[in-house]
Amino acid sequence: MIKTKNIPIQCPQCGHTDFEQPDNVQDHDFVKCVFCGYQIMLCDLKEAGIEQAKQVILPEAKKEIEAMLKKAFKGKFK
């Protein structure tokens, strides 16, 4: 089972995870990194977050699938 549950979105500029955002933020509103001041549209930040999550989840998923296949075929091909 994949153990990663939460992956905070990191600022594409500095890597920090805290952002200032307006009330009722929408996809085309800008959010601002509280550490470096980098501003990015929320929709672009979401896309960056998806790519960041893929970098964490895909290796975990691959490892889990390999373990499941190894267990499923253990002793089948001798």
Foldseek 3Di string as FASTA:
>chain_A
DQDDDDDAQADPVPGDRDWAADPPADQQGWIADPPPGDIDGNVVSVVSRVVVVCVVVVVSVVVVVVVVVCVVCPPVPD
